[in-house]
């Protein structure tokens, strides 16, 4: 069955124009700028009128934590991928700090098998590195796996890699991209002791950005860049959060870089003033920092020093988040609201709609060398999103699909609303409902 999405406002490859897209099975067969030729045969084609709606490529989120296996009281691949497609995210790359940790090739393949059963979105999973699994890490197939994840700072599910020899071997011999969480552990531990000395166990969450400080981030990020430069590694530094780190990166096309950078929605949206109202519900690692840091992140994003926007979607229960500072875990759910949050920024004149699509759709596809996704192009997979730019709605517990049941955006009104999400040509989300039983596909990578 062929389907025509007709008369949408297409935002793609830096352009915004009225047009139509013809889907044939799982691929885009034709893109019609402006009008469809009168002699084009549409017999037997299902036509969906998209006048007044935006049509964009599906969002590719290169950093999520879906908590399966072992932590499924917080979220699981089924629940969080359903939330993803409701937010216009058609492909995700998931992290290894689950239980058990994804640190062998066999455990990695079990995740792929599970996603094939339950995920409406396309998927890939990172191979996790530790101080003790170098042989397994180096077996990673770069055509089938998005990358190797290295925690150069401890976070949820401590997988800290702090053996200098192992780090060098990973950077020297990695068969695929290396993605890093960069925070210097010694600096963090020193700052924790200072905070405990002042507050005891009652450290206010507003101190989080001082404990996981800009210095902790910079020390680790600069070390990762040094290693990557030494060994000519494809390095992608995740969730950058400080002005200081921006000196490590250069502007330019993501296709021409070996060292690339990611920023997450929460570091662009919130700053340390928001701890007063949001508390542990915006406690992330790395920490949300100052307004000055946020401003520097925006400047770097708009000048193409930062290459992609992602979420670091990492759900925890309300009960867990309502603990005291040291007991409350870091992370929060974002994958359902990342696209509309960034389009809200475009409505506020901070970033263009075309730039949002570049950073959330095109750049991740280019950076990871994903096979035929991330663009509205003939012959590419039909991963597409229809958005109403003039349908205000409020985030509430009634429309949140995360298993944890909350969002840092609760009570926030957005002006853009995701109407439909297509994955491999199938409409997996429509008017508030996820169409179950339509599985996504494993992402493939060009080498």
Protein backbone atom coordinates (compact mmCIF):
# COMPACT_ATOMS: atom_id res chain seq x y z
CA UNK A 1 0.00 0.00 0.00
CA UNK A 2 1.23 3.44 -0.93
CA UNK A 3 0.45 6.51 1.15
CA UNK A 4 0.67 10.18 0.25
CA UNK A 5 1.19 12.82 2.93
CA UNK A 6 -0.21 15.79 1.04
CA UNK A 7 0.33 19.54 1.25
CA UNK A 8 2.44 19.63 4.42
CA UNK A 9 4.98 22.29 5.27
CA UNK A 10 8.17 20.26 4.90
CA UNK A 11 11.19 21.24 7.01
CA UNK A 12 14.25 19.42 5.72
CA UNK A 13 17.92 20.12 4.89
CA UNK A 14 17.70 23.79 5.81
CA UNK A 15 14.58 24.46 3.74
CA UNK A 16 10.94 25.04 4.63
CA UNK A 17 8.43 24.60 1.82
CA UNK A 18 4.98 23.25 1.03
CA UNK A 19 5.09 19.79 -0.47
CA UNK A 20 3.98 16.18 -0.39
CA UNK A 21 5.70 12.86 0.29
CA UNK A 22 4.79 9.50 -1.21
CA UNK A 23 5.51 6.45 0.94
CA UNK A 24 5.84 3.00 -0.61
CA UNK A 25 6.05 0.28 2.05
CA UNK A 26 8.94 1.31 4.34
CA UNK A 27 10.62 3.87 2.04
CA UNK A 28 10.07 7.35 0.69
CA UNK A 29 9.33 6.91 -3.02
CA UNK A 30 8.83 10.53 -4.08
CA UNK A 31 9.17 14.00 -2.61
CA UNK A 32 7.02 16.57 -4.38
CA UNK A 33 8.06 20.17 -3.74
CA UNK A 34 5.08 22.50 -3.98
CA UNK A 35 2.59 20.71 -6.27
CA UNK A 36 2.07 17.17 -7.51
CA UNK A 37 2.19 16.87 -11.33
CA UNK A 38 -1.31 16.59 -12.78
CA UNK A 39 -0.43 13.46 -14.73
CA UNK A 40 0.93 11.62 -11.68
CA UNK A 41 -1.13 8.47 -11.08
CA UNK A 42 -2.55 8.41 -7.55
CA UNK A 43 -4.95 5.52 -8.08
CA UNK A 44 -4.84 3.12 -5.14
CA UNK A 45 -2.84 5.58 -3.04
CA UNK A 46 -4.10 6.42 0.46
CA UNK A 47 -4.03 10.20 0.81
CA UNK A 48 -3.53 11.97 4.14
CA UNK A 49 -4.20 15.70 4.03
CA UNK A 50 -1.48 17.49 6.02
CA UNK A 51 -2.34 21.10 5.18
CA UNK A 52 -1.32 23.37 8.03
CA UNK A 53 1.00 20.74 9.52
CA UNK A 54 4.79 20.49 9.56
CA UNK A 55 6.38 17.34 8.14
CA UNK A 56 9.90 16.58 9.39
CA UNK A 57 12.26 13.58 9.46
CA UNK A 58 11.95 11.47 12.59
CA UNK A 59 14.11 12.56 15.51
CA UNK A 60 17.15 10.39 16.29
CA UNK A 61 18.04 10.44 19.99
CA UNK A 62 21.60 9.26 20.49
CA UNK A 63 21.41 8.93 24.28
CA UNK A 64 18.64 7.27 26.27
CA UNK A 65 18.36 4.96 29.26
CA UNK A 66 15.33 2.70 28.96
CA UNK A 67 16.22 0.69 32.12
CA UNK A 68 15.79 -2.82 30.75
CA UNK A 69 16.94 -5.28 31.97
CA UNK A 70 16.89 -5.15 35.73
CA UNK A 71 15.54 -1.66 36.45
CA UNK A 72 12.13 -2.01 34.87
CA UNK A 73 10.22 -0.45 37.77
CA UNK A 74 11.55 2.85 36.33
CA UNK A 75 10.97 2.13 32.64
CA UNK A 76 11.43 -0.54 30.01
CA UNK A 77 12.07 -0.76 26.29
CA UNK A 78 8.36 -1.09 25.50
CA UNK A 79 7.12 1.77 27.66
CA UNK A 80 9.86 4.27 26.87
CA UNK A 81 9.92 3.58 23.12
CA UNK A 82 6.15 4.18 23.08
CA UNK A 83 6.79 7.52 24.77
CA UNK A 84 9.52 8.18 22.20
CA UNK A 85 7.28 7.80 19.15
CA UNK A 86 4.62 9.93 20.87
CA UNK A 87 7.28 12.65 20.96
CA UNK A 88 8.37 12.26 17.34
CA UNK A 89 11.48 10.22 18.15
CA UNK A 90 11.68 7.43 15.57
CA UNK A 91 15.13 6.04 16.46
CA UNK A 92 17.03 5.76 19.73
CA UNK A 93 20.43 4.61 20.98
CA UNK A 94 20.31 3.13 24.46
CA UNK A 95 22.94 2.97 27.17
CA UNK A 96 24.60 -0.02 28.87
CA UNK A 97 24.22 0.81 32.60
CA UNK A 98 21.38 -1.63 33.19
CA UNK A 99 21.33 -4.70 35.44
CA UNK A 100 23.15 -6.72 34.29
CA UNK A 101 25.35 -4.16 32.60
CA UNK A 102 25.67 -4.55 28.82
CA UNK A 103 29.33 -5.50 28.86
CA UNK A 104 29.44 -8.69 26.78
CA UNK A 105 28.42 -9.26 23.18
CA UNK A 106 25.88 -11.86 24.29
CA UNK A 107 24.18 -9.45 26.70
CA UNK A 108 24.21 -6.80 23.98
CA UNK A 109 22.41 -9.10 21.55
CA UNK A 110 19.75 -9.91 24.17
CA UNK A 111 18.80 -6.23 24.18
CA UNK A 112 18.45 -6.23 20.41
CA UNK A 113 16.26 -9.30 20.58
CA UNK A 114 14.02 -7.68 23.17
CA UNK A 115 13.69 -4.46 21.19
CA UNK A 116 12.73 -6.43 18.08
CA UNK A 117 9.80 -7.80 20.06
CA UNK A 118 8.44 -4.66 21.72
CA UNK A 119 9.85 -1.38 20.33
CA UNK A 120 7.74 0.69 17.92
CA UNK A 121 10.82 2.88 17.32
CA UNK A 122 14.05 1.93 15.56
CA UNK A 123 16.85 1.07 17.93
CA UNK A 124 20.51 0.58 18.62
CA UNK A 125 22.39 -0.20 21.83
CA UNK A 126 25.83 0.83 23.01
CA UNK A 127 28.42 -1.69 24.09
CA UNK A 128 29.55 -0.81 27.61
CA UNK A 129 33.20 -0.55 28.61
CA UNK A 130 34.65 -1.37 32.02
CA UNK A 131 38.14 -1.79 33.39
CA UNK A 132 37.83 -5.54 32.78
CA UNK A 133 36.13 -6.25 29.44
CA UNK A 134 38.46 -4.89 26.77
CA UNK A 135 38.34 -8.10 24.71
CA UNK A 136 34.55 -7.96 24.54
CA UNK A 137 34.54 -4.26 23.68
CA UNK A 138 36.90 -4.77 20.74
CA UNK A 139 34.58 -7.42 19.24
CA UNK A 140 31.91 -4.77 18.60
CA UNK A 141 30.63 -4.78 15.02
CA UNK A 142 30.59 -1.16 13.73
CA UNK A 143 27.98 -1.97 11.07
CA UNK A 144 25.46 -3.19 13.66
CA UNK A 145 26.23 -1.26 16.88
CA UNK A 146 26.08 2.52 17.32
CA UNK A 147 29.15 2.81 19.53
CA UNK A 148 31.12 2.03 22.66
CA UNK A 149 30.11 3.85 25.83
CA UNK A 150 32.85 4.86 28.24
CA UNK A 151 31.98 6.38 31.62
CA UNK A 152 34.93 8.62 32.46
CA UNK A 153 32.96 9.64 35.54
CA UNK A 154 30.69 7.50 37.70
CA UNK A 155 26.93 7.82 37.35
CA UNK A 156 23.86 5.61 37.77
CA UNK A 157 25.02 1.97 37.72
CA UNK A 158 28.70 2.74 38.36
CA UNK A 159 30.68 1.70 35.28
CA UNK A 160 33.61 4.04 35.83
CA UNK A 161 36.60 3.32 33.58
CA UNK A 162 39.57 4.80 35.40
CA UNK A 163 42.38 2.43 34.39
CA UNK A 164 44.66 4.61 32.25
CA UNK A 165 45.99 1.66 30.28
CA UNK A 166 42.50 0.38 29.47
CA UNK A 167 41.35 3.84 28.43
CA UNK A 168 44.28 4.15 26.06
CA UNK A 169 43.60 0.71 24.57
CA UNK A 170 39.93 1.56 23.99
CA UNK A 171 40.73 4.86 22.30
CA UNK A 172 43.54 3.30 20.27
CA UNK A 173 41.69 0.21 19.04
CA UNK A 174 37.96 0.97 19.15
CA UNK A 175 36.34 -0.41 15.98
CA UNK A 176 33.53 2.14 16.20
CA UNK A 177 32.70 5.52 17.66
CA UNK A 178 33.52 6.05 21.35
CA UNK A 179 30.89 7.99 23.32
CA UNK A 180 31.95 9.35 26.70
CA UNK A 181 30.40 10.58 29.92
CA UNK A 182 33.03 13.04 31.11
CA UNK A 183 33.29 14.05 34.78
CA UNK A 184 36.45 13.74 36.85
CA UNK A 185 35.76 11.43 39.77
CA UNK A 186 38.51 12.71 42.07
CA UNK A 187 37.20 16.27 41.76
CA UNK A 188 33.63 15.15 42.45
CA UNK A 189 34.64 13.19 45.55
CA UNK A 190 36.60 16.15 46.87
CA UNK A 191 33.58 18.41 46.37
CA UNK A 192 31.30 15.89 48.09
CA UNK A 193 33.50 15.96 51.17
CA UNK A 194 33.44 19.76 51.21
CA UNK A 195 29.65 19.75 50.94
CA UNK A 196 29.29 17.13 53.68
CA UNK A 197 31.56 19.14 55.91
CA UNK A 198 29.27 22.13 55.53
CA UNK A 199 25.82 20.50 55.42
CA UNK A 200 26.24 16.96 56.74
CA UNK A 201 23.77 14.66 54.99
CA UNK A 202 21.35 17.53 54.33
CA UNK A 203 23.08 18.91 51.25
CA UNK A 204 20.65 21.05 49.24
CA UNK A 205 20.22 19.96 45.63
CA UNK A 206 21.26 23.46 44.55
CA UNK A 207 24.82 22.39 45.44
CA UNK A 208 24.73 19.67 42.78
CA UNK A 209 26.29 21.96 40.17
CA UNK A 210 29.08 22.80 42.62
CA UNK A 211 29.73 19.15 43.48
CA UNK A 212 29.67 18.03 39.84
CA UNK A 213 31.42 21.24 38.91
CA UNK A 214 32.56 22.82 35.67
CA UNK A 215 36.13 21.90 36.63
CA UNK A 216 35.18 18.22 37.04
CA UNK A 217 33.64 18.28 33.56
CA UNK A 218 36.51 20.11 31.90
CA UNK A 219 39.26 17.92 33.36
CA UNK A 220 37.58 14.79 32.02
CA UNK A 221 36.43 16.18 28.67
CA UNK A 222 39.88 17.60 27.91
CA UNK A 223 41.40 14.21 28.73
CA UNK A 224 39.01 12.48 26.32
CA UNK A 225 39.87 14.98 23.58
CA UNK A 226 43.59 14.47 24.25
CA UNK A 227 43.24 10.69 23.94
CA UNK A 228 41.13 10.94 20.79
CA UNK A 229 43.60 13.35 19.21
CA UNK A 230 46.50 11.06 20.06
CA UNK A 231 44.90 7.91 18.63
CA UNK A 232 42.72 9.49 15.89
CA UNK A 233 39.58 8.13 17.55
CA UNK A 234 36.03 8.96 16.54
CA UNK A 235 35.01 10.58 19.82
CA UNK A 236 31.55 11.84 20.74
CA UNK A 237 31.31 13.63 24.10
CA UNK A 238 27.84 13.39 25.56
CA UNK A 239 25.70 15.86 27.56
CA UNK A 240 28.08 18.82 27.69
CA UNK A 241 27.07 21.28 30.39
CA UNK A 242 29.69 24.02 30.83
CA UNK A 243 30.99 27.14 29.13
CA UNK A 244 34.54 26.04 29.90
CA UNK A 245 34.29 22.88 27.80
CA UNK A 246 33.33 24.79 24.66
CA UNK A 247 36.97 25.69 24.03
CA UNK A 248 37.60 22.01 23.26
CA UNK A 249 35.44 21.98 20.12
CA UNK A 250 35.50 23.59 16.70
CA UNK A 251 32.70 24.85 14.48
CA UNK A 252 31.94 23.10 11.23
CA UNK A 253 30.08 20.29 9.53
CA UNK A 254 29.64 17.14 11.58
CA UNK A 255 30.67 15.12 8.52
CA UNK A 256 34.14 16.66 8.67
CA UNK A 257 34.82 16.08 12.36
CA UNK A 258 36.42 13.22 14.26
CA UNK A 259 35.60 14.81 17.65
CA UNK A 260 31.95 15.76 18.11
CA UNK A 261 29.75 17.15 20.85
CA UNK A 262 26.23 16.65 22.18
CA UNK A 263 24.02 18.87 24.33
CA UNK A 264 20.84 17.73 26.06
CA UNK A 265 17.51 19.50 26.21
CA UNK A 266 17.62 20.00 29.99
CA UNK A 267 20.96 21.82 29.84
CA UNK A 268 19.48 24.19 27.25
CA UNK A 269 16.18 24.70 29.08
CA UNK A 270 17.00 24.86 32.80
CA UNK A 271 19.73 26.51 34.88
CA UNK A 272 20.73 26.53 38.55
CA UNK A 273 17.92 28.95 39.47
CA UNK A 274 15.40 26.20 38.66
CA UNK A 275 16.60 23.97 41.52
CA UNK A 276 14.47 26.11 43.86
CA UNK A 277 11.21 24.90 42.31
CA UNK A 278 12.22 21.61 40.66
CA UNK A 279 14.64 20.19 43.25
CA UNK A 280 15.80 16.62 42.60
CA UNK A 281 13.48 16.41 39.59
CA UNK A 282 16.13 18.26 37.58
CA UNK A 283 19.07 16.51 39.22
CA UNK A 284 21.10 15.10 36.33
CA UNK A 285 24.70 14.00 35.83
CA UNK A 286 26.37 16.15 34.61
CA UNK A 287 24.56 18.78 36.61
CA UNK A 288 22.46 21.61 35.25
CA UNK A 289 24.70 24.61 35.83
CA UNK A 290 24.53 28.41 35.67
CA UNK A 291 22.69 30.75 33.31
CA UNK A 292 26.09 31.72 31.93
CA UNK A 293 26.84 28.08 31.12
CA UNK A 294 23.45 27.69 29.45
CA UNK A 295 24.09 30.79 27.35
CA UNK A 296 27.47 29.40 26.25
CA UNK A 297 25.87 26.08 25.27
CA UNK A 298 23.34 27.90 23.11
CA UNK A 299 26.07 29.94 21.45
CA UNK A 300 28.09 26.79 20.72
CA UNK A 301 25.04 24.98 19.38
CA UNK A 302 24.09 27.79 17.03
CA UNK A 303 27.68 28.16 15.78
CA UNK A 304 27.98 24.39 15.15
CA UNK A 305 30.58 23.71 17.82
CA UNK A 306 27.94 21.42 19.35
CA UNK A 307 26.66 18.95 16.78
CA UNK A 308 23.55 17.22 18.14
CA UNK A 309 20.71 17.68 20.61
CA UNK A 310 19.64 14.63 22.62
CA UNK A 311 17.86 13.88 25.91
CA UNK A 312 19.83 11.53 28.18
CA UNK A 313 16.31 10.25 28.96
CA UNK A 314 16.77 8.47 32.30
CA UNK A 315 13.57 7.80 34.27
CA UNK A 316 13.34 7.25 38.01
CA UNK A 317 10.22 6.94 40.13
CA UNK A 318 8.75 9.88 42.02
CA UNK A 319 9.51 8.07 45.27
CA UNK A 320 13.18 7.77 44.35
CA UNK A 321 13.37 11.42 43.34
CA UNK A 322 11.68 12.57 46.55
CA UNK A 323 14.62 11.34 48.62
CA UNK A 324 17.31 13.53 50.15
CA UNK A 325 20.13 14.76 47.90
CA UNK A 326 22.54 11.86 48.31
CA UNK A 327 19.79 9.24 48.08
CA UNK A 328 17.92 10.71 45.12
CA UNK A 329 19.23 9.28 41.83
CA UNK A 330 20.27 11.51 38.94
CA UNK A 331 18.36 11.58 35.67
CA UNK A 332 14.90 12.29 34.38
CA UNK A 333 12.46 11.42 31.57
CA UNK A 334 12.53 13.63 28.45
CA UNK A 335 12.13 11.62 25.25
CA UNK A 336 8.39 12.37 24.82
CA UNK A 337 8.91 16.14 25.10
CA UNK A 338 12.31 16.91 23.58
CA UNK A 339 11.10 17.86 20.11
CA UNK A 340 8.23 20.09 21.25
CA UNK A 341 10.51 21.73 23.83
CA UNK A 342 13.03 22.65 21.16
CA UNK A 343 10.31 23.87 18.80
CA UNK A 344 9.08 26.03 21.66
CA UNK A 345 12.53 27.56 21.69
CA UNK A 346 12.11 28.29 17.99
CA UNK A 347 8.79 30.00 18.71
CA UNK A 348 10.67 32.16 21.20
CA UNK A 349 13.19 33.18 18.54
CA UNK A 350 16.16 31.41 20.10
CA UNK A 351 16.75 28.84 17.34
CA UNK A 352 15.26 28.38 13.90
CA UNK A 353 13.00 25.44 13.12
CA UNK A 354 15.43 24.40 10.39
CA UNK A 355 18.28 24.33 12.94
CA UNK A 356 16.22 22.20 15.34
CA UNK A 357 15.74 19.63 12.57
CA UNK A 358 19.44 19.78 11.68
CA UNK A 359 20.53 19.07 15.25
CA UNK A 360 17.91 16.45 16.15
CA UNK A 361 17.46 14.59 12.84
CA UNK A 362 20.16 15.22 10.22
CA UNK A 363 23.28 15.54 12.41
CA UNK A 364 22.78 12.33 14.45
CA UNK A 365 22.30 10.39 11.20
CA UNK A 366 25.48 11.87 9.74
CA UNK A 367 27.55 11.59 12.90
CA UNK A 368 26.74 7.91 13.45
CA UNK A 369 26.70 7.13 9.71
CA UNK A 370 23.21 5.66 9.96
CA UNK A 371 21.99 3.93 6.84
CA UNK A 372 19.28 6.00 5.04
CA UNK A 373 17.64 7.77 7.95
CA UNK A 374 17.44 11.30 9.33
CA UNK A 375 16.37 13.02 6.11
CA UNK A 376 13.32 13.34 3.86
CA UNK A 377 14.94 11.91 0.74
CA UNK A 378 13.77 9.54 -1.96
CA UNK A 379 14.97 6.01 -1.20
CA UNK A 380 15.35 6.70 2.52
CA UNK A 381 13.32 4.95 5.21
CA UNK A 382 10.01 6.67 5.82
CA UNK A 383 10.64 7.84 9.39
CA UNK A 384 8.48 10.97 9.49
CA UNK A 385 6.66 13.21 11.95
CA UNK A 386 3.62 15.44 11.46
CA UNK A 387 3.40 18.39 13.84
CA UNK A 388 0.70 20.97 14.38
CA UNK A 389 2.55 24.24 15.09
CA UNK A 390 -0.59 25.92 16.40
CA UNK A 391 -2.17 23.46 18.81
CA UNK A 392 -1.35 24.49 22.40
CA UNK A 393 -1.44 21.69 24.97
CA UNK A 394 -0.28 21.17 28.52
CA UNK A 395 1.93 18.37 29.82
CA UNK A 396 0.05 16.47 32.52
CA UNK A 397 -0.08 13.04 34.12
CA UNK A 398 -3.00 12.28 31.80
CA UNK A 399 -0.84 12.45 28.67
CA UNK A 400 2.59 11.36 29.95
CA UNK A 401 3.55 7.92 28.60
CA UNK A 402 6.71 7.38 30.65
CA UNK A 403 6.41 4.42 32.98
CA UNK A 404 7.58 6.62 35.87
CA UNK A 405 4.53 8.84 35.27
CA UNK A 406 6.13 12.28 35.63
CA UNK A 407 7.99 14.89 33.62
CA UNK A 408 10.08 17.96 34.51
CA UNK A 409 7.76 19.76 32.07
CA UNK A 410 4.54 18.97 33.97
CA UNK A 411 2.26 21.99 33.90
CA UNK A 412 4.13 23.47 30.92
CA UNK A 413 2.12 24.50 27.86
CA UNK A 414 3.69 23.86 24.46
CA UNK A 415 2.50 25.46 21.24
CA UNK A 416 3.57 22.58 18.95
CA UNK A 417 1.95 19.15 19.12
CA UNK A 418 3.03 15.86 17.54
CA UNK A 419 0.05 14.59 15.52
CA UNK A 420 1.48 11.50 13.79
CA UNK A 421 4.73 9.55 13.80
CA UNK A 422 5.68 7.17 11.00
CA UNK A 423 8.38 4.53 11.50
CA UNK A 424 9.45 2.61 8.40
CA UNK A 425 6.33 3.84 6.64
CA UNK A 426 3.94 2.68 9.36
CA UNK A 427 1.92 5.21 11.35
CA UNK A 428 2.87 4.08 14.84
CA UNK A 429 1.44 7.11 16.64
CA UNK A 430 -1.69 9.05 15.73
CA UNK A 431 -3.76 11.60 17.65
CA UNK A 432 -2.59 10.56 21.09
CA UNK A 433 -2.56 6.80 20.56
CA UNK A 434 0.38 4.45 19.99
CA UNK A 435 -0.41 1.71 17.48
CA UNK A 436 1.05 -1.40 19.12
CA UNK A 437 2.30 -4.39 17.16
CA UNK A 438 4.31 -2.35 14.63
CA UNK A 439 7.94 -3.04 15.53
CA UNK A 440 10.84 -0.77 14.65
CA UNK A 441 14.04 -1.96 13.01
CA UNK A 442 17.63 -2.33 14.12
CA UNK A 443 19.68 0.61 12.92
CA UNK A 444 22.47 -0.15 10.50
CA UNK A 445 25.64 1.88 10.08
CA UNK A 446 27.82 2.60 7.07
CA UNK A 447 31.49 1.75 7.54
